[in-house]
C-alpha atoms as a PDB file:
ATOM      1  CA  MET A   1      21.366  10.051  15.238  1.00  0.00           C
ATOM      2  CA  LYS A   2      25.234   8.632  15.764  1.00  0.00           C
ATOM      3  CA  ASP A   3      25.680   6.331  13.646  1.00  0.00           C
ATOM      4  CA  ILE A   4      27.242   2.759  16.003  1.00  0.00           C
ATOM      5  CA  ARG A   5      26.317   0.382  13.810  1.00  0.00           C
ATOM      6  CA  ALA A   6      30.113  -0.882  12.678  1.00  0.00           C
ATOM      7  CA  ARG A   7      31.073  -0.759  16.891  1.00  0.00           C
ATOM      8  CA  LEU A   8      28.019  -2.560  17.278  1.00  0.00           C
ATOM      9  CA  ILE A   9      27.119  -5.218  15.124  1.00  0.00           C
ATOM     10  CA  PRO A  10      30.667  -7.161  16.442  1.00  0.00           C
ATOM     11  CA  LEU A  11      28.854  -7.086  20.070  1.00  0.00           C
ATOM     12  CA  LEU A  12      25.986  -8.086  18.691  1.00  0.00           C
ATOM     13  CA  GLU A  13      27.002 -11.254  16.451  1.00  0.00           C
ATOM     14  CA  LYS A  14      28.869 -12.520  20.228  1.00  0.00           C
ATOM     15  CA  GLY A  15      25.568 -12.169  21.936  1.00  0.00           C
ATOM     16  CA  GLN A  16      25.223  -9.281  23.706  1.00  0.00           C
ATOM     17  CA  CYS A  17      21.963  -9.345  23.269  1.00  0.00           C
ATOM     18  CA  THR A  18      19.053 -10.032  25.876  1.00  0.00           C
ATOM     19  CA  PRO A  19      15.399 -12.188  25.195  1.00  0.00           C
ATOM     20  CA  ARG A  20      12.315  -9.986  24.636  1.00  0.00           C
ATOM     21  CA  ILE A  21      10.694 -10.927  27.699  1.00  0.00           C
ATOM     22  CA  SER A  22       7.074  -9.320  27.029  1.00  0.00           C
ATOM     23  CA  GLN A  23       6.994 -10.504  23.495  1.00  0.00           C
ATOM     24  CA  LEU A  24       7.425 -14.065  24.616  1.00  0.00           C
ATOM     25  CA  ALA A  25       5.246 -13.959  27.648  1.00  0.00           C
ATOM     26  CA  LYS A  26       2.272 -12.863  25.085  1.00  0.00           C
ATOM     27  CA  LYS A  27       2.674 -15.562  22.778  1.00  0.00           C
ATOM     28  CA  LEU A  28       2.581 -17.668  25.350  1.00  0.00           C
ATOM     29  CA  GLY A  29       0.271 -16.274  27.397  1.00  0.00           C
ATOM     30  CA  GLU A  30       2.128 -16.278  30.222  1.00  0.00           C
ATOM     31  CA  PRO A  31       3.222 -13.779  33.276  1.00  0.00           C
ATOM     32  CA  SER A  32       6.337 -12.296  32.551  1.00  0.00           C
ATOM     33  CA  THR A  33       7.618 -13.478  35.822  1.00  0.00           C
ATOM     34  CA  THR A  34       7.342 -16.627  34.891  1.00  0.00           C
ATOM     35  CA  ILE A  35       8.880 -16.122  31.181  1.00  0.00           C
ATOM     36  CA  HIS A  36      11.762 -14.667  33.478  1.00  0.00           C
ATOM     37  CA  TYR A  37      12.277 -17.216  36.240  1.00  0.00           C
ATOM     38  CA  ASN A  38      12.346 -19.938  33.415  1.00  0.00           C
ATOM     39  CA  VAL A  39      15.040 -18.038  30.888  1.00  0.00           C
ATOM     40  CA  LYS A  40      17.074 -16.875  33.533  1.00  0.00           C
ATOM     41  CA  LYS A  41      16.858 -20.956  35.343  1.00  0.00           C
ATOM     42  CA  MET A  42      17.976 -22.048  31.718  1.00  0.00           C
ATOM     43  CA  GLU A  43      20.778 -19.857  31.444  1.00  0.00           C
ATOM     44  CA  ARG A  44      22.162 -21.242  34.826  1.00  0.00           C
ATOM     45  CA  GLU A  45      21.741 -24.552  33.870  1.00  0.00           C
ATOM     46  CA  GLY A  46      24.081 -24.124  30.981  1.00  0.00           C
ATOM     47  CA  ALA A  47      21.154 -24.520  28.362  1.00  0.00           C
ATOM     48  CA  ILE A  48      21.007 -21.159  27.206  1.00  0.00           C
ATOM     49  CA  GLN A  49      24.686 -20.382  26.291  1.00  0.00           C
ATOM     50  CA  ALA A  50      24.257 -17.000  24.574  1.00  0.00           C
ATOM     51  CA  TYR A  51      21.720 -14.758  22.650  1.00  0.00           C
ATOM     52  CA  LYS A  52      22.461 -12.877  19.275  1.00  0.00           C
ATOM     53  CA  ALA A  53      21.393 -10.922  16.656  1.00  0.00           C
ATOM     54  CA  VAL A  54      20.798 -12.335  13.185  1.00  0.00           C
ATOM     55  CA  PHE A  55      21.588 -10.697  10.741  1.00  0.00           C
ATOM     56  CA  ASN A  56      20.915 -10.024   6.907  1.00  0.00           C
ATOM     57  CA  TYR A  57      24.782 -10.512   5.772  1.00  0.00           C
ATOM     58  CA  LYS A  58      24.883  -8.957   3.038  1.00  0.00           C
ATOM     59  CA  SER A  59      23.507  -5.581   4.513  1.00  0.00           C
ATOM     60  CA  ILE A  60      26.715  -5.249   6.868  1.00  0.00           C
ATOM     61  CA  GLY A  61      28.856  -5.700   3.786  1.00  0.00           C
ATOM     62  CA  GLN A  62      29.465 -10.109   5.348  1.00  0.00           C
ATOM     63  CA  GLY A  63      27.264 -11.185   1.898  1.00  0.00           C
ATOM     64  CA  HIS A  64      29.772 -13.883   0.809  1.00  0.00           C
ATOM     65  CA  CYS A  65      29.822 -17.250   3.112  1.00  0.00           C
ATOM     66  CA  THR A  66      31.691 -20.207   2.298  1.00  0.00           C
ATOM     67  CA  TYR A  67      31.716 -23.907   4.003  1.00  0.00           C
ATOM     68  CA  LEU A  68      35.450 -25.249   3.474  1.00  0.00           C
ATOM     69  CA  LEU A  69      36.182 -28.784   4.284  1.00  0.00           C
ATOM     70  CA  ILE A  70      39.432 -29.244   5.657  1.00  0.00           C
ATOM     71  CA  ASN A  71      41.957 -32.082   5.768  1.00  0.00           C
ATOM     72  CA  LEU A  72      44.437 -31.352   8.606  1.00  0.00           C
ATOM     73  CA  ARG A  73      48.447 -32.356   7.936  1.00  0.00           C
ATOM     74  CA  GLN A  74      49.714 -35.765   9.590  1.00  0.00           C
ATOM     75  CA  GLU A  75      51.552 -33.359  12.435  1.00  0.00           C
ATOM     76  CA  ASN A  76      47.424 -32.040  13.141  1.00  0.00           C
ATOM     77  CA  TYR A  77      45.949 -34.528  12.771  1.00  0.00           C
ATOM     78  CA  GLY A  78      45.794 -35.756  16.219  1.00  0.00           C
ATOM     79  CA  ASP A  79      45.253 -33.200  17.855  1.00  0.00           C
ATOM     80  CA  PRO A  80      41.909 -31.007  15.482  1.00  0.00           C
ATOM     81  CA  GLU A  81      40.743 -29.628  18.250  1.00  0.00           C
ATOM     82  CA  GLN A  82      43.904 -26.901  18.302  1.00  0.00           C
ATOM     83  CA  VAL A  83      43.417 -26.245  15.314  1.00  0.00           C
ATOM     84  CA  ALA A  84      39.834 -25.278  15.700  1.00  0.00           C
ATOM     85  CA  ARG A  85      39.803 -23.431  18.623  1.00  0.00           C
ATOM     86  CA  ASP A  86      42.601 -21.165  16.796  1.00  0.00           C
ATOM     87  CA  LEU A  87      40.297 -20.669  13.955  1.00  0.00           C
ATOM     88  CA  ALA A  88      37.327 -19.748  15.809  1.00  0.00           C
ATOM     89  CA  LYS A  89      39.130 -16.818  17.068  1.00  0.00           C
ATOM     90  CA  ASN A  90      38.972 -15.694  13.752  1.00  0.00           C
ATOM     91  CA  LYS A  91      35.965 -12.335  13.406  1.00  0.00           C
ATOM     92  CA  ASN A  92      35.315 -13.920   9.729  1.00  0.00           C
ATOM     93  CA  VAL A  93      34.582 -17.481  10.931  1.00  0.00           C
ATOM     94  CA  GLU A  94      31.132 -18.275  12.113  1.00  0.00           C
ATOM     95  CA  SER A  95      31.834 -21.663  13.564  1.00  0.00           C
ATOM     96  CA  VAL A  96      33.961 -24.401  13.548  1.00  0.00           C
ATOM     97  CA  ASP A  97      32.943 -28.194  13.646  1.00  0.00           C
ATOM     98  CA  ILE A  98      34.777 -31.321  14.003  1.00  0.00           C
ATOM     99  CA  CYS A  99      33.634 -34.173  12.221  1.00  0.00           C
ATOM    100  CA  THR A 100      34.332 -37.434  10.863  1.00  0.00           C
ATOM    101  CA  GLY A 101      34.431 -38.604   7.819  1.00  0.00           C
ATOM    102  CA  GLU A 102      36.631 -37.562   4.951  1.00  0.00           C
ATOM    103  CA  TYR A 103      37.357 -34.379   6.329  1.00  0.00           C
ATOM    104  CA  GLU A 104      38.417 -33.277   9.499  1.00  0.00           C
ATOM    105  CA  LEU A 105      36.797 -29.620  10.165  1.00  0.00           C
ATOM    106  CA  ILE A 106      33.928 -27.642   8.703  1.00  0.00           C
ATOM    107  CA  VAL A 107      34.303 -24.022   9.292  1.00  0.00           C
ATOM    108  CA  LYS A 108      31.745 -21.625   8.126  1.00  0.00           C
ATOM    109  CA  LEU A 109      33.470 -18.516   6.882  1.00  0.00           C
ATOM    110  CA  ARG A 110      31.648 -14.856   6.487  1.00  0.00           C
ATOM    111  CA  SER A 111      33.540 -11.920   4.549  1.00  0.00           C
ATOM    112  CA  LYS A 112      32.724  -9.445   1.787  1.00  0.00           C
ATOM    113  CA  ASP A 113      33.341 -11.246  -1.591  1.00  0.00           C
ATOM    114  CA  ILE A 114      35.129 -13.244  -3.073  1.00  0.00           C
ATOM    115  CA  ASP A 115      38.224 -11.432  -2.730  1.00  0.00           C
ATOM    116  CA  GLU A 116      38.318 -11.349   0.507  1.00  0.00           C
ATOM    117  CA  TYR A 117      37.725 -14.995   1.033  1.00  0.00           C
ATOM    118  CA  TYR A 118      40.904 -15.438  -1.111  1.00  0.00           C
ATOM    119  CA  GLN A 119      42.864 -13.516   1.077  1.00  0.00           C
ATOM    120  CA  TRP A 120      41.888 -14.870   3.658  1.00  0.00           C
ATOM    121  CA  VAL A 121      42.529 -18.922   2.608  1.00  0.00           C
ATOM    122  CA  LYS A 122      45.663 -17.966   0.937  1.00  0.00           C
ATOM    123  CA  VAL A 123      46.286 -16.724   4.604  1.00  0.00           C
ATOM    124  CA  ALA A 124      44.952 -20.054   6.148  1.00  0.00           C
ATOM    125  CA  ILE A 125      46.592 -22.855   4.232  1.00  0.00           C
ATOM    126  CA  ARG A 126      49.905 -20.940   4.997  1.00  0.00           C
ATOM    127  CA  LYS A 127      49.146 -20.613   8.454  1.00  0.00           C
ATOM    128  CA  TYR A 128      47.616 -24.075   9.476  1.00  0.00           C
ATOM    129  CA  GLY A 129      49.360 -25.850   6.793  1.00  0.00           C
ATOM    130  CA  PHE A 130      45.931 -27.461   5.286  1.00  0.00           C
ATOM    131  CA  ALA A 131      46.786 -30.504   3.492  1.00  0.00           C
ATOM    132  CA  LYS A 132      43.375 -29.937   1.203  1.00  0.00           C
ATOM    133  CA  THR A 133      40.371 -27.536   1.193  1.00  0.00           C
ATOM    134  CA  ILE A 134      37.179 -28.253  -0.926  1.00  0.00           C
ATOM    135  CA  SER A 135      35.001 -25.168  -0.443  1.00  0.00           C
ATOM    136  CA  LEU A 136      31.441 -24.960  -0.809  1.00  0.00           C
ATOM    137  CA  THR A 137      29.203 -21.580  -1.783  1.00  0.00           C
ATOM    138  CA  SER A 138      26.268 -20.702   0.066  1.00  0.00           C
ATOM    139  CA  LEU A 139      24.104 -18.905  -2.924  1.00  0.00           C
ATOM    140  CA  LYS A 140      21.128 -18.191  -0.674  1.00  0.00           C
ATOM    141  CA  GLN A 141      20.462 -18.935   2.830  1.00  0.00           C
ATOM    142  CA  LEU A 142      16.867 -19.717   3.865  1.00  0.00           C
ATOM    143  CA  LYS A 143      16.902 -20.183   7.500  1.00  0.00           C
ATOM    144  CA  THR A 144      19.935 -19.771  10.246  1.00  0.00           C
ATOM    145  CA  GLU A 145      20.000 -20.493  13.715  1.00  0.00           C
ATOM    146  CA  PHE A 146      16.436 -21.586  13.313  1.00  0.00           C
ATOM    147  CA  VAL A 147      14.845 -18.920  12.202  1.00  0.00           C
ATOM    148  CA  GLU A 148      13.595 -18.784   8.954  1.00  0.00           C
ATOM    149  CA  LEU A 149      14.722 -15.757   5.818  1.00  0.00           C
ATOM    150  CA  GLU A 150      12.664 -13.964   3.510  1.00  0.00           C
END
């Protein structure tokens, strides 16, 4: 069979998944139609924004996970949302949060390895002019997106 994983993974990362209605119905002991109705209602109301696959990132070549604490330069300090929106467009960025405290942004970054991470940081520092960054490397993830991992 044709191997299309390289094309499939980006779609699954961006929410091209659907809930398993029959499995939910079985676990809750409710009819599939009831589950479907409630899921659709939550989607319309905006309570459910997307469906996403949860990966074993090492197996798809994104096993290096780093959290970056970022201070913005004075010229970007007044509009952290613009920098955050631009960072969010990068394929390696899993999440971006604007926060309070000593740092303005927290970025969760996925890369193949430390070398790819280093290249990303060099480019990002030049492009966005970060005043300061602190990197925290994740050694092992035990839970993500409310899913416990083995």
